[in-house]
Amino acid sequence: MLTSREDAYILGLWRADGYHRSSSIGLSNTDIGLIREFSGYLVRRFPKERLRLRIYIPASIEKSNVDNIGITDKISYCFVRKAKQVSYHLYVNSRPLLREFRESRKNLTDMESEFVIPYIAGRFDGDGSVGKDIKRDFRIAYTTKPEAETDKSLLKKVCPYQIKVYSYRKAKTFVLYCSRIDSSKLAKDLVLYSIKLQRLFGLPRRD
């Protein structure tokens, strides 16, 4: 799967917020920009008609006020009483593509150095955050320690920065954390690929 830096970014984004079943693969997120980014990848692999979009809408919001993104005509709407904001679930039915993603996930430790930064940018866009001044609190959240440790090892291949993994028992979360000394440096490394960081830096969206 990894034949370009864009592929690496998409893999990271999928690992953060990805969806998969026995024969389908996709992305779930409240951020339309990230959904569009993933759709751009999918339409380069499949006809637009293959894509499916499910939109989850809080009961307090009218369907007519929801952006359907214009990615595909195959849209279904679900009203969720307890939801606080609109969320999007974009997917395609493709076992071969799912196998590609799973294989790339299995071989993460062998990732070539040129793909590490865009991959981490994808993970950051899905599950990361940083202070508004971009100088502190750079972190990416994970559900398992091995995931976090793998990404830490990948970053250590290409970055000389102080990076640690912390465990939060109550939240059952593991966090990859970059020291305050190096947060802005790492952010600048990732900004070429990260949609979130481009917004914080006030840069135009990459195409």
Protein backbone atom coordinates (compact mmCIF):
# COMPACT_ATOMS: atom_id res chain seq x y z
CA MET A 1 0.00 0.00 0.00
CA LEU A 2 2.73 2.49 0.94
CA THR A 3 3.90 3.82 -2.41
CA SER A 4 3.69 7.53 -1.52
CA ARG A 5 3.70 9.91 1.44
CA GLU A 6 -0.01 10.45 0.86
CA ASP A 7 -0.59 6.71 1.34
CA ALA A 8 1.33 6.92 4.62
CA TYR A 9 -0.82 9.85 5.81
CA ILE A 10 -4.02 7.96 4.98
CA LEU A 11 -2.76 4.87 6.81
CA GLY A 12 -2.08 6.96 9.90
CA LEU A 13 -5.50 8.61 9.71
CA TRP A 14 -7.18 5.23 9.31
CA ARG A 15 -5.31 3.78 12.27
CA ALA A 16 -6.58 6.67 14.38
CA ASP A 17 -10.22 6.86 13.28
CA GLY A 18 -10.61 3.98 10.87
CA TYR A 19 -13.48 1.62 10.43
CA HIS A 20 -13.37 -1.92 9.10
CA ARG A 21 -15.56 -4.97 8.89
CA SER A 22 -15.12 -8.27 7.09
CA SER A 23 -15.41 -6.68 3.65
CA SER A 24 -15.48 -2.91 4.10
CA ILE A 25 -13.11 -0.17 5.17
CA GLY A 26 -13.61 3.50 5.91
CA LEU A 27 -13.25 6.46 8.25
CA SER A 28 -15.47 7.89 10.98
CA ASN A 29 -15.01 11.49 12.12
CA THR A 30 -16.78 14.74 12.95
CA ASP A 31 -14.21 16.74 10.94
CA ILE A 32 -15.44 17.23 7.37
CA GLY A 33 -11.92 18.12 6.24
CA LEU A 34 -10.59 14.72 7.29
CA ILE A 35 -13.52 12.93 5.67
CA ARG A 36 -12.84 14.80 2.43
CA GLU A 37 -9.17 13.86 2.62
CA PHE A 38 -10.02 10.18 3.00
CA SER A 39 -12.59 10.38 0.20
CA GLY A 40 -9.94 11.86 -2.09
CA TYR A 41 -7.84 8.77 -1.51
CA LEU A 42 -10.79 6.42 -2.13
CA VAL A 43 -11.90 8.05 -5.39
CA ARG A 44 -8.40 7.56 -6.73
CA ARG A 45 -8.87 3.85 -6.14
CA PHE A 46 -12.55 3.36 -6.98
CA PRO A 47 -15.35 4.90 -9.04
CA LYS A 48 -17.21 7.52 -7.02
CA GLU A 49 -20.34 5.34 -7.15
CA ARG A 50 -18.63 2.75 -4.94
CA LEU A 51 -18.39 5.09 -1.96
CA ARG A 52 -20.97 5.05 0.83
CA LEU A 53 -21.61 7.80 3.39
CA ARG A 54 -23.57 7.50 6.60
CA ILE A 55 -24.32 10.71 8.50
CA TYR A 56 -25.23 10.65 12.19
CA ILE A 57 -27.30 13.68 13.19
CA PRO A 58 -28.24 14.91 16.69
CA ALA A 59 -32.01 14.88 17.12
CA SER A 60 -31.92 18.65 17.72
CA ILE A 61 -30.58 19.39 14.22
CA GLU A 62 -32.64 19.49 11.04
CA LYS A 63 -31.45 17.21 8.24
CA SER A 64 -31.64 20.12 5.78
CA ASN A 65 -28.98 21.96 7.81
CA VAL A 66 -26.42 19.17 7.50
CA ASP A 67 -23.65 19.32 4.91
CA ASN A 68 -23.75 16.11 2.88
CA ILE A 69 -20.21 16.92 1.65
CA GLY A 70 -21.01 16.04 -1.96
CA ILE A 71 -18.71 13.02 -1.97
CA THR A 72 -21.26 10.47 -3.10
CA ASP A 73 -24.97 10.09 -3.82
CA LYS A 74 -25.10 6.91 -1.72
CA ILE A 75 -26.00 8.58 1.58
CA SER A 76 -27.97 7.36 4.57
CA TYR A 77 -28.99 9.48 7.56
CA CYS A 78 -29.27 8.31 11.17
CA PHE A 79 -30.72 10.46 13.93
CA VAL A 80 -29.00 9.96 17.29
CA ARG A 81 -30.78 11.31 20.33
CA LYS A 82 -27.73 11.67 22.60
CA ALA A 83 -25.30 12.95 19.97
CA LYS A 84 -23.94 16.48 20.39
CA GLN A 85 -22.58 17.05 16.89
CA VAL A 86 -22.85 15.67 13.38
CA SER A 87 -20.50 12.82 12.56
CA TYR A 88 -19.66 11.18 9.26
CA HIS A 89 -18.91 7.59 8.38
CA LEU A 90 -17.40 7.11 4.92
CA TYR A 91 -16.61 3.66 3.62
CA VAL A 92 -16.22 1.40 0.61
CA ASN A 93 -16.86 -2.31 0.29
CA SER A 94 -13.55 -3.83 -0.79
CA ARG A 95 -11.83 -6.85 0.68
CA PRO A 96 -8.64 -6.30 -1.37
CA LEU A 97 -8.25 -2.76 -0.01
CA LEU A 98 -8.92 -3.95 3.52
CA ARG A 99 -6.20 -6.57 3.11
CA GLU A 100 -3.78 -3.85 1.94
CA PHE A 101 -4.44 -1.75 5.04
CA ARG A 102 -4.13 -4.71 7.37
CA GLU A 103 -0.87 -5.77 5.75
CA SER A 104 0.55 -2.26 6.07
CA ARG A 105 -0.52 -2.16 9.72
CA LYS A 106 1.20 -5.48 10.37
CA ASN A 107 4.44 -4.24 8.80
CA LEU A 108 4.60 -0.83 10.49
CA THR A 109 7.94 -1.46 12.15
CA ASP A 110 9.51 -1.88 8.70
CA MET A 111 8.19 1.45 7.42
CA GLU A 112 10.66 3.39 5.31
CA SER A 113 11.92 6.59 6.92
CA GLU A 114 10.39 8.86 4.24
CA PHE A 115 6.89 7.70 5.20
CA VAL A 116 7.16 8.14 8.98
CA ILE A 117 6.36 11.87 9.22
CA PRO A 118 3.27 11.77 6.95
CA TYR A 119 2.07 8.63 8.76
CA ILE A 120 2.40 10.32 12.17
CA ALA A 121 0.67 13.40 10.73
CA GLY A 122 -2.31 11.19 9.91
CA ARG A 123 -2.36 9.74 13.42
CA PHE A 124 -2.13 13.24 14.85
CA ASP A 125 -5.04 14.49 12.73
CA GLY A 126 -7.17 11.60 13.94
CA ASP A 127 -6.24 11.41 17.63
CA GLY A 128 -3.79 14.20 18.38
CA SER A 129 -3.79 17.65 19.91
CA VAL A 130 -1.40 20.48 20.72
CA GLY A 131 -1.64 23.79 22.55
CA LYS A 132 -2.88 26.76 20.53
CA ASP A 133 0.58 28.31 20.72
CA ILE A 134 1.95 25.06 19.21
CA LYS A 135 4.70 25.12 21.85
CA ARG A 136 3.29 22.70 24.41
CA ASP A 137 1.10 19.69 25.06
CA PHE A 138 1.81 17.89 21.80
CA ARG A 139 0.16 14.49 22.21
CA ILE A 140 -1.46 11.60 20.39
CA ALA A 141 -3.87 9.26 22.20
CA TYR A 142 -3.97 5.47 21.76
CA THR A 143 -6.13 2.65 23.05
CA THR A 144 -3.22 0.22 23.50
CA LYS A 145 0.35 0.60 24.70
CA PRO A 146 1.89 -1.42 21.81
CA GLU A 147 0.36 1.04 19.30
CA ALA A 148 1.85 4.00 21.13
CA GLU A 149 5.24 2.34 21.55
CA THR A 150 5.37 1.41 17.87
CA ASP A 151 4.76 5.00 16.81
CA LYS A 152 7.32 6.22 19.35
CA SER A 153 9.90 3.87 17.83
CA LEU A 154 9.06 5.09 14.32
CA LEU A 155 9.48 8.72 15.33
CA LYS A 156 12.80 7.96 17.02
CA LYS A 157 14.05 6.75 13.63
CA VAL A 158 13.71 10.19 12.08
CA CYS A 159 13.42 12.71 14.93
CA PRO A 160 15.92 13.52 17.71
CA TYR A 161 13.15 14.84 19.95
CA GLN A 162 12.21 13.91 23.51
CA ILE A 163 9.18 11.62 23.14
CA LYS A 164 7.60 9.48 25.85
CA VAL A 165 4.53 7.27 26.30
CA TYR A 166 2.34 7.81 29.36
CA SER A 167 -0.41 5.58 30.72
CA TYR A 168 -3.67 7.01 32.08
CA ARG A 169 -5.30 4.14 33.95
CA LYS A 170 -8.64 5.76 34.72
CA ALA A 171 -9.18 6.79 31.10
CA LYS A 172 -7.68 3.49 29.86
CA THR A 173 -5.64 5.53 27.42
CA PHE A 174 -1.99 5.69 26.41
CA VAL A 175 -0.54 8.97 25.22
CA LEU A 176 2.51 9.67 23.11
CA TYR A 177 3.80 12.96 24.42
CA CYS A 178 6.46 15.27 23.00
CA SER A 179 8.31 17.49 25.48
CA ARG A 180 7.61 21.21 25.58
CA ILE A 181 11.14 21.84 24.35
CA ASP A 182 10.46 19.97 21.11
CA SER A 183 6.68 20.33 20.54
CA SER A 184 6.94 23.22 18.07
CA LYS A 185 9.79 21.49 16.21
CA LEU A 186 7.77 18.30 15.74
CA ALA A 187 4.71 20.32 14.72
CA LYS A 188 6.77 22.05 12.02
CA ASP A 189 7.93 18.65 10.77
CA LEU A 190 4.32 17.46 10.47
CA VAL A 191 2.64 20.61 9.16
CA LEU A 192 3.29 19.82 5.49
CA TYR A 193 0.93 16.84 5.81
CA SER A 194 -1.31 17.60 8.81
CA ILE A 195 -4.64 19.33 8.14
CA LYS A 196 -5.06 20.19 11.83
CA LEU A 197 -1.65 21.84 12.06
CA GLN A 198 -2.13 23.74 8.81
CA ARG A 199 -5.20 25.31 10.40
CA LEU A 200 -3.25 26.24 13.55
CA PHE A 201 -0.41 27.71 11.51
CA GLY A 202 -2.93 29.61 9.38
CA LEU A 203 -1.80 27.92 6.17
CA PRO A 204 -4.06 27.26 3.16
CA ARG A 205 -5.42 23.73 2.90
CA ARG A 206 -3.17 21.43 0.90
CA ASP A 207 -4.58 19.97 -2.31
